[in-house]
Amino acid sequence: MALVVAGAVLVAWIPSFVATAYAEEPASEYLANPVEGWAFLWDAITASRTARLGTPDAAMQQATQVWAGPPAVASDVSLKTIPAEWAVPVATGGTAPAPARAVARPANELNWVVSGRVTGGPVQVIGLLDYRTGRVAWDIRPLAGARR
């Protein structure tokens, strides 16, 4: 009986462990509540059926078109779950976004985090692409101090 209970508990939390691999922050939310892990899994499966950027190659192609040159150039993408409000990290020595753009507020939870360089600096987050629609969900541009 104990083995059955342990197995049921493990099965209940498996989606939570998968979700933490995709979580940008806070991953502990999924582990504390297995329902959140199942909700992530359901969202990921249903979104993948109609996602415009359903593969890393498609996302990278879009990213290299959007962030093709000065000041930001895309170099990598990674699929992450982004909370409703996400304080975008700035790499040490990196370029900060304009203060009004320091927090990303994507419409959907699943996003491609686009990494790249700004004016030759270190690799840092330069944008978000919505997994489902392919739209830019956040952009480091305009840069702090830049005129619009």
N, C-alpha and C. Protein backbone atom coordinates (compact mmCIF):
# COMPACT_ATOMS: atom_id res chain seq x y z
N MET A 1 0.82 -1.19 0.00
CA MET A 1 0.00 0.00 0.00
C MET A 1 0.87 1.26 0.00
N ALA A 2 1.93 1.25 0.79
CA ALA A 2 2.82 2.41 0.84
C ALA A 2 3.45 2.67 -0.52
N LEU A 3 3.74 1.61 -1.25
CA LEU A 3 4.32 1.76 -2.58
C LEU A 3 3.33 2.42 -3.54
N VAL A 4 2.07 2.06 -3.43
CA VAL A 4 1.02 2.66 -4.27
C VAL A 4 0.88 4.14 -3.96
N VAL A 5 0.87 4.49 -2.68
CA VAL A 5 0.76 5.89 -2.28
C VAL A 5 1.97 6.68 -2.76
N ALA A 6 3.16 6.11 -2.59
CA ALA A 6 4.38 6.79 -3.05
C ALA A 6 4.35 6.98 -4.56
N GLY A 7 3.88 5.97 -5.28
CA GLY A 7 3.77 6.08 -6.74
C GLY A 7 2.77 7.15 -7.15
N ALA A 8 1.64 7.22 -6.45
CA ALA A 8 0.62 8.24 -6.76
C ALA A 8 1.16 9.64 -6.52
N VAL A 9 1.90 9.80 -5.43
CA VAL A 9 2.50 11.11 -5.12
C VAL A 9 3.50 11.49 -6.20
N LEU A 10 4.32 10.53 -6.61
CA LEU A 10 5.31 10.80 -7.66
C LEU A 10 4.63 11.20 -8.96
N VAL A 11 3.61 10.46 -9.35
CA VAL A 11 2.88 10.78 -10.58
C VAL A 11 2.24 12.16 -10.49
N ALA A 12 1.71 12.50 -9.32
CA ALA A 12 1.08 13.81 -9.15
C ALA A 12 2.07 14.95 -9.36
N TRP A 13 3.35 14.73 -9.00
CA TRP A 13 4.33 15.81 -9.08
C TRP A 13 5.18 15.80 -10.36
N ILE A 14 5.08 14.77 -11.18
CA ILE A 14 5.91 14.72 -12.39
C ILE A 14 5.75 15.98 -13.25
N PRO A 15 4.53 16.45 -13.55
CA PRO A 15 4.42 17.68 -14.34
C PRO A 15 5.08 18.89 -13.66
N SER A 16 5.10 18.90 -12.34
CA SER A 16 5.73 20.01 -11.63
C SER A 16 7.23 20.02 -11.89
N PHE A 17 7.84 18.85 -11.93
CA PHE A 17 9.28 18.78 -12.21
C PHE A 17 9.57 19.20 -13.66
N VAL A 18 8.69 18.83 -14.58
CA VAL A 18 8.83 19.27 -15.97
C VAL A 18 8.69 20.79 -16.05
N ALA A 19 7.69 21.33 -15.38
CA ALA A 19 7.44 22.77 -15.41
C ALA A 19 8.61 23.56 -14.86
N THR A 20 9.27 23.06 -13.81
CA THR A 20 10.40 23.80 -13.25
C THR A 20 11.55 23.92 -14.24
N ALA A 21 11.67 22.98 -15.16
CA ALA A 21 12.72 23.06 -16.17
C ALA A 21 12.47 24.22 -17.13
N TYR A 22 11.22 24.62 -17.27
CA TYR A 22 10.87 25.70 -18.19
C TYR A 22 10.60 27.03 -17.47
N ALA A 23 10.60 27.00 -16.16
CA ALA A 23 10.25 28.20 -15.40
C ALA A 23 11.41 29.17 -15.35
N GLU A 24 11.13 30.41 -15.65
CA GLU A 24 12.15 31.45 -15.51
C GLU A 24 12.23 31.86 -14.04
N GLU A 25 11.08 32.03 -13.43
CA GLU A 25 10.98 32.28 -11.99
C GLU A 25 9.52 32.36 -11.61
N PRO A 26 9.05 32.10 -10.47
CA PRO A 26 9.67 31.29 -9.42
C PRO A 26 9.31 29.82 -9.62
N ALA A 27 10.27 28.97 -9.79
CA ALA A 27 10.06 27.55 -10.05
C ALA A 27 9.44 26.83 -8.86
N SER A 28 9.68 27.31 -7.65
CA SER A 28 9.15 26.64 -6.46
C SER A 28 7.63 26.63 -6.44
N GLU A 29 7.00 27.54 -7.16
CA GLU A 29 5.53 27.59 -7.24
C GLU A 29 4.97 26.28 -7.79
N TYR A 30 5.65 25.70 -8.76
CA TYR A 30 5.20 24.45 -9.35
C TYR A 30 5.39 23.27 -8.39
N LEU A 31 6.49 23.28 -7.65
CA LEU A 31 6.76 22.18 -6.72
C LEU A 31 5.85 22.24 -5.49
N ALA A 32 5.49 23.43 -5.09
CA ALA A 32 4.63 23.58 -3.91
C ALA A 32 3.19 23.19 -4.21
N ASN A 33 2.79 23.28 -5.47
CA ASN A 33 1.40 23.01 -5.82
C ASN A 33 1.37 22.18 -7.11
N PRO A 34 1.18 20.87 -7.00
CA PRO A 34 1.18 20.04 -8.21
C PRO A 34 0.10 20.41 -9.21
N VAL A 35 -0.95 21.06 -8.77
CA VAL A 35 -2.00 21.50 -9.70
C VAL A 35 -1.41 22.50 -10.70
N GLU A 36 -0.51 23.36 -10.24
CA GLU A 36 0.16 24.31 -11.14
C GLU A 36 1.00 23.57 -12.19
N GLY A 37 1.63 22.48 -11.78
CA GLY A 37 2.40 21.68 -12.73
C GLY A 37 1.52 21.07 -13.81
N TRP A 38 0.37 20.55 -13.39
CA TRP A 38 -0.58 20.00 -14.36
C TRP A 38 -1.14 21.10 -15.26
N ALA A 39 -1.40 22.28 -14.70
CA ALA A 39 -1.89 23.40 -15.51
C ALA A 39 -0.85 23.79 -16.56
N PHE A 40 0.43 23.82 -16.16
CA PHE A 40 1.50 24.12 -17.12
C PHE A 40 1.50 23.08 -18.24
N LEU A 41 1.44 21.81 -17.86
CA LEU A 41 1.48 20.74 -18.85
C LEU A 41 0.30 20.87 -19.82
N TRP A 42 -0.89 21.14 -19.30
CA TRP A 42 -2.07 21.31 -20.15
C TRP A 42 -1.88 22.50 -21.10
N ASP A 43 -1.42 23.63 -20.58
CA ASP A 43 -1.18 24.81 -21.41
C ASP A 43 -0.15 24.53 -22.50
N ALA A 44 0.91 23.84 -22.12
CA ALA A 44 1.97 23.55 -23.09
C ALA A 44 1.47 22.64 -24.20
N ILE A 45 0.70 21.64 -23.85
CA ILE A 45 0.18 20.71 -24.86
C ILE A 45 -0.82 21.40 -25.78
N THR A 46 -1.75 22.14 -25.21
CA THR A 46 -2.76 22.80 -26.05
C THR A 46 -2.15 23.93 -26.88
N ALA A 47 -1.19 24.65 -26.34
CA ALA A 47 -0.55 25.73 -27.09
C ALA A 47 0.30 25.19 -28.23
N SER A 48 0.91 24.02 -28.03
CA SER A 48 1.81 23.49 -29.04
C SER A 48 1.09 23.11 -30.33
N ARG A 49 -0.19 22.87 -30.25
CA ARG A 49 -0.95 22.47 -31.44
C ARG A 49 -1.11 23.60 -32.44
N THR A 50 -1.16 24.84 -31.96
CA THR A 50 -1.38 25.98 -32.85
C THR A 50 -0.29 27.03 -32.75
N ALA A 51 0.81 26.70 -32.11
CA ALA A 51 1.86 27.70 -31.90
C ALA A 51 2.52 28.13 -33.20
N ARG A 52 2.63 29.43 -33.38
CA ARG A 52 3.32 29.96 -34.56
C ARG A 52 4.81 29.71 -34.46
N LEU A 53 5.34 29.77 -33.24
CA LEU A 53 6.77 29.52 -33.01
C LEU A 53 6.91 28.24 -32.18
N GLY A 54 6.49 27.12 -32.77
CA GLY A 54 6.46 25.86 -32.06
C GLY A 54 7.78 25.12 -31.96
N THR A 55 8.81 25.61 -32.65
CA THR A 55 10.12 24.95 -32.60
C THR A 55 11.21 25.98 -32.33
N PRO A 56 12.34 25.52 -31.78
CA PRO A 56 13.45 26.46 -31.58
C PRO A 56 13.94 27.09 -32.89
N ASP A 57 13.91 26.33 -33.97
CA ASP A 57 14.35 26.87 -35.26
C ASP A 57 13.45 28.01 -35.73
N ALA A 58 12.14 27.83 -35.60
CA ALA A 58 11.20 28.88 -36.00
C ALA A 58 11.38 30.11 -35.12
N ALA A 59 11.56 29.90 -33.83
CA ALA A 59 11.76 31.03 -32.91
C ALA A 59 13.07 31.75 -33.21
N MET A 60 14.11 31.01 -33.49
CA MET A 60 15.40 31.65 -33.79
C MET A 60 15.34 32.43 -35.08
N GLN A 61 14.64 31.89 -36.08
CA GLN A 61 14.48 32.61 -37.34
C GLN A 61 13.76 33.94 -37.11
N GLN A 62 12.69 33.91 -36.33
CA GLN A 62 11.96 35.13 -36.01
C GLN A 62 12.84 36.10 -35.23
N ALA A 63 13.57 35.58 -34.25
CA ALA A 63 14.43 36.43 -33.42
C ALA A 63 15.52 37.10 -34.24
N THR A 64 16.12 36.38 -35.18
CA THR A 64 17.18 36.99 -35.98
C THR A 64 16.64 38.04 -36.94
N GLN A 65 15.36 37.95 -37.29
CA GLN A 65 14.76 38.98 -38.12
C GLN A 65 14.43 40.22 -37.29
N VAL A 66 13.89 40.01 -36.08
CA VAL A 66 13.50 41.14 -35.24
C VAL A 66 14.72 41.86 -34.67
N TRP A 67 15.68 41.09 -34.18
CA TRP A 67 16.89 41.66 -33.57
C TRP A 67 18.08 41.37 -34.47
N ALA A 68 18.08 42.03 -35.64
CA ALA A 68 19.08 41.77 -36.67
C ALA A 68 20.27 42.72 -36.64
N GLY A 69 20.19 43.76 -35.87
CA GLY A 69 21.30 44.68 -35.93
C GLY A 69 21.12 45.86 -35.02
N PRO A 70 22.06 46.72 -35.13
CA PRO A 70 22.23 47.73 -34.09
C PRO A 70 20.90 48.26 -33.57
N PRO A 71 20.78 48.31 -32.27
CA PRO A 71 21.82 48.01 -31.29
C PRO A 71 21.81 46.57 -30.79
N ALA A 72 20.74 45.80 -31.03
CA ALA A 72 20.63 44.45 -30.47
C ALA A 72 20.69 43.39 -31.56
N VAL A 73 21.44 42.30 -31.27
CA VAL A 73 21.58 41.20 -32.21
C VAL A 73 21.29 39.89 -31.47
N ALA A 74 20.30 39.14 -31.97
CA ALA A 74 19.90 37.87 -31.33
C ALA A 74 20.94 36.79 -31.59
N SER A 75 21.16 35.94 -30.56
CA SER A 75 22.09 34.83 -30.73
C SER A 75 21.52 33.49 -30.26
N ASP A 76 20.44 33.51 -29.46
CA ASP A 76 19.90 32.26 -28.94
C ASP A 76 18.47 32.48 -28.44
N VAL A 77 17.71 31.38 -28.39
CA VAL A 77 16.36 31.41 -27.82
C VAL A 77 16.19 30.22 -26.90
N SER A 78 15.37 30.39 -25.88
CA SER A 78 15.02 29.27 -25.00
C SER A 78 13.58 29.44 -24.55
N LEU A 79 12.83 28.35 -24.59
CA LEU A 79 11.41 28.39 -24.23
C LEU A 79 11.29 28.38 -22.71
N LYS A 80 10.57 29.37 -22.18
CA LYS A 80 10.41 29.51 -20.73
C LYS A 80 8.98 29.91 -20.40
N THR A 81 8.58 29.61 -19.18
CA THR A 81 7.33 30.17 -18.68
C THR A 81 7.70 31.45 -17.96
N ILE A 82 7.04 32.51 -18.32
CA ILE A 82 7.33 33.82 -17.76
C ILE A 82 6.11 34.25 -16.94
N PRO A 83 6.33 34.68 -15.70
CA PRO A 83 5.19 35.14 -14.90
C PRO A 83 4.56 36.39 -15.51
N ALA A 84 3.40 36.76 -15.00
CA ALA A 84 2.67 37.92 -15.52
C ALA A 84 3.50 39.19 -15.49
N GLU A 85 4.34 39.33 -14.48
CA GLU A 85 5.29 40.45 -14.41
C GLU A 85 6.65 39.86 -14.11
N TRP A 86 7.61 40.15 -14.97
CA TRP A 86 8.94 39.57 -14.85
C TRP A 86 9.98 40.68 -14.92
N ALA A 87 10.75 40.83 -13.85
CA ALA A 87 11.84 41.80 -13.85
C ALA A 87 12.94 41.23 -14.73
N VAL A 88 13.14 41.82 -15.88
CA VAL A 88 14.09 41.30 -16.86
C VAL A 88 15.51 41.45 -16.31
N PRO A 89 16.25 40.32 -16.26
CA PRO A 89 17.61 40.40 -15.73
C PRO A 89 18.55 41.11 -16.69
N VAL A 90 19.52 41.80 -16.14
CA VAL A 90 20.55 42.47 -16.93
C VAL A 90 21.88 41.86 -16.54
N ALA A 91 22.60 41.34 -17.52
CA ALA A 91 23.89 40.71 -17.27
C ALA A 91 24.88 41.74 -16.72
N THR A 92 25.82 41.27 -15.93
CA THR A 92 26.88 42.14 -15.43
C THR A 92 27.59 42.78 -16.62
N GLY A 93 27.65 44.08 -16.63
CA GLY A 93 28.26 44.81 -17.74
C GLY A 93 27.33 44.96 -18.93
N GLY A 94 26.09 44.47 -18.79
CA GLY A 94 25.14 44.56 -19.89
C GLY A 94 24.44 45.90 -19.95
N THR A 95 23.60 46.05 -20.94
CA THR A 95 22.85 47.28 -21.15
C THR A 95 21.46 47.13 -20.55
N ALA A 96 21.08 48.07 -19.72
CA ALA A 96 19.75 48.05 -19.11
C ALA A 96 18.72 48.63 -20.09
N PRO A 97 17.51 48.09 -20.05
CA PRO A 97 16.45 48.72 -20.86
C PRO A 97 16.05 50.04 -20.23
N ALA A 98 15.28 50.81 -20.96
CA ALA A 98 14.73 52.05 -20.40
C ALA A 98 13.95 51.67 -19.14
N PRO A 99 13.96 52.52 -18.12
CA PRO A 99 13.28 52.18 -16.86
C PRO A 99 11.83 51.72 -17.03
N ALA A 100 11.12 52.30 -17.95
CA ALA A 100 9.73 51.90 -18.17
C ALA A 100 9.61 50.50 -18.76
N ARG A 101 10.71 49.95 -19.25
CA ARG A 101 10.71 48.62 -19.88
C ARG A 101 11.46 47.59 -19.04
N ALA A 102 11.76 47.92 -17.79
CA ALA A 102 12.53 47.01 -16.94
C ALA A 102 11.74 45.77 -16.53
N VAL A 103 10.42 45.85 -16.64
CA VAL A 103 9.55 44.73 -16.29
C VAL A 103 8.78 44.32 -17.54
N ALA A 104 8.86 43.02 -17.86
CA ALA A 104 8.10 42.48 -18.99
C ALA A 104 6.74 42.02 -18.49
N ARG A 105 5.71 42.24 -19.29
CA ARG A 105 4.36 41.81 -18.96
C ARG A 105 3.76 41.07 -20.17
N PRO A 106 4.23 39.84 -20.40
CA PRO A 106 3.74 39.11 -21.57
C PRO A 106 2.28 38.70 -21.43
N ALA A 107 1.59 38.60 -22.55
CA ALA A 107 0.18 38.24 -22.56
C ALA A 107 -0.03 36.76 -22.24
N ASN A 108 0.92 35.93 -22.62
CA ASN A 108 0.83 34.49 -22.39
C ASN A 108 2.01 34.03 -21.56
N GLU A 109 1.86 32.88 -20.92
CA GLU A 109 2.90 32.37 -20.04
C GLU A 109 4.10 31.80 -20.79
N LEU A 110 3.88 31.11 -21.90
CA LEU A 110 4.97 30.51 -22.66
C LEU A 110 5.57 31.52 -23.63
N ASN A 111 6.87 31.74 -23.49
CA ASN A 111 7.57 32.69 -24.33
C ASN A 111 8.96 32.17 -24.66
N TRP A 112 9.45 32.58 -25.80
CA TRP A 112 10.84 32.33 -26.15
C TRP A 112 11.65 33.50 -25.59
N VAL A 113 12.58 33.22 -24.71
CA VAL A 113 13.48 34.24 -24.19
C VAL A 113 14.61 34.37 -25.20
N VAL A 114 14.77 35.56 -25.74
CA VAL A 114 15.78 35.81 -26.76
C VAL A 114 17.01 36.42 -26.09
N SER A 115 18.15 35.77 -26.29
CA SER A 115 19.41 36.28 -25.76
C SER A 115 20.23 36.82 -26.92
N GLY A 116 21.06 37.78 -26.60
CA GLY A 116 21.93 38.37 -27.62
C GLY A 116 22.80 39.45 -27.01
N ARG A 117 23.43 40.19 -27.87
CA ARG A 117 24.32 41.26 -27.43
C ARG A 117 23.74 42.61 -27.84
N VAL A 118 23.95 43.58 -26.97
CA VAL A 118 23.55 44.95 -27.24
C VAL A 118 24.83 45.75 -27.39
N THR A 119 25.00 46.35 -28.56
CA THR A 119 26.20 47.14 -28.89
C THR A 119 27.49 46.43 -28.49
N GLY A 120 27.56 45.13 -28.78
CA GLY A 120 28.79 44.37 -28.54
C GLY A 120 29.05 43.96 -27.11
N GLY A 121 28.13 44.22 -26.20
CA GLY A 121 28.31 43.87 -24.79
C GLY A 121 28.14 42.38 -24.55
N PRO A 122 28.01 42.00 -23.28
CA PRO A 122 27.85 40.58 -22.96
C PRO A 122 26.49 40.05 -23.40
N VAL A 123 26.39 38.74 -23.50
CA VAL A 123 25.11 38.11 -23.85
C VAL A 123 24.13 38.36 -22.71
N GLN A 124 22.93 38.80 -23.08
CA GLN A 124 21.90 39.11 -22.10
C GLN A 124 20.54 38.94 -22.75
N VAL A 125 19.48 39.04 -21.96
CA VAL A 125 18.12 38.98 -22.49
C VAL A 125 17.85 40.26 -23.27
N ILE A 126 17.44 40.08 -24.54
CA ILE A 126 17.13 41.26 -25.37
C ILE A 126 15.68 41.28 -25.81
N GLY A 127 14.95 40.17 -25.59
CA GLY A 127 13.56 40.16 -26.00
C GLY A 127 12.81 38.91 -25.60
N LEU A 128 11.51 38.97 -25.79
CA LEU A 128 10.61 37.83 -25.60
C LEU A 128 9.74 37.71 -26.84
N LEU A 129 9.58 36.49 -27.31
CA LEU A 129 8.66 36.20 -28.40
C LEU A 129 7.55 35.30 -27.87
N ASP A 130 6.32 35.67 -28.12
CA ASP A 130 5.18 34.87 -27.67
C ASP A 130 5.17 33.55 -28.43
N TYR A 131 5.15 32.47 -27.70
CA TYR A 131 5.18 31.11 -28.26
C TYR A 131 4.00 30.86 -29.20
N ARG A 132 2.83 31.31 -28.80
CA ARG A 132 1.62 31.02 -29.56
C ARG A 132 1.49 31.88 -30.82
N THR A 133 1.69 33.18 -30.66
CA THR A 133 1.42 34.11 -31.77
C THR A 133 2.64 34.49 -32.58
N GLY A 134 3.82 34.36 -32.00
CA GLY A 134 5.04 34.77 -32.68
C GLY A 134 5.33 36.26 -32.55
N ARG A 135 4.46 36.98 -31.87
CA ARG A 135 4.65 38.42 -31.70
C ARG A 135 5.73 38.73 -30.66
N VAL A 136 6.30 39.90 -30.79
CA VAL A 136 7.26 40.38 -29.79
C VAL A 136 6.48 40.71 -28.53
N ALA A 137 6.82 40.05 -27.43
CA ALA A 137 6.14 40.28 -26.15
C ALA A 137 6.89 41.30 -25.30
N TRP A 138 8.18 41.44 -25.55
CA TRP A 138 9.01 42.43 -24.85
C TRP A 138 10.26 42.66 -25.68
N ASP A 139 10.74 43.89 -25.67
CA ASP A 139 11.93 44.25 -26.44
C ASP A 139 12.78 45.18 -25.60
N ILE A 140 14.08 44.96 -25.58
CA ILE A 140 14.97 45.83 -24.81
C ILE A 140 15.00 47.24 -25.39
N ARG A 141 14.69 47.36 -26.66
CA ARG A 141 14.67 48.67 -27.29
C ARG A 141 13.35 49.38 -26.98
N PRO A 142 13.31 50.66 -26.80
CA PRO A 142 14.44 51.58 -26.87
C PRO A 142 15.30 51.45 -25.61
N LEU A 143 16.57 51.69 -25.78
CA LEU A 143 17.51 51.59 -24.67
C LEU A 143 17.40 52.78 -23.75
N ALA A 144 17.87 52.60 -22.53
CA ALA A 144 17.88 53.70 -21.57
C ALA A 144 18.65 54.87 -22.16
N GLY A 145 18.10 56.05 -22.06
CA GLY A 145 18.77 57.25 -22.56
C GLY A 145 18.60 57.49 -24.06
N ALA A 146 18.01 56.54 -24.77
CA ALA A 146 17.84 56.72 -26.22
C ALA A 146 16.59 57.56 -26.48
N ARG A 147 16.65 58.31 -27.55
CA ARG A 147 15.48 59.10 -27.95
C ARG A 147 14.56 58.24 -28.77
N ARG A 148 13.28 58.46 -28.65
CA ARG A 148 12.30 57.69 -29.41
C ARG A 148 12.01 58.33 -30.73
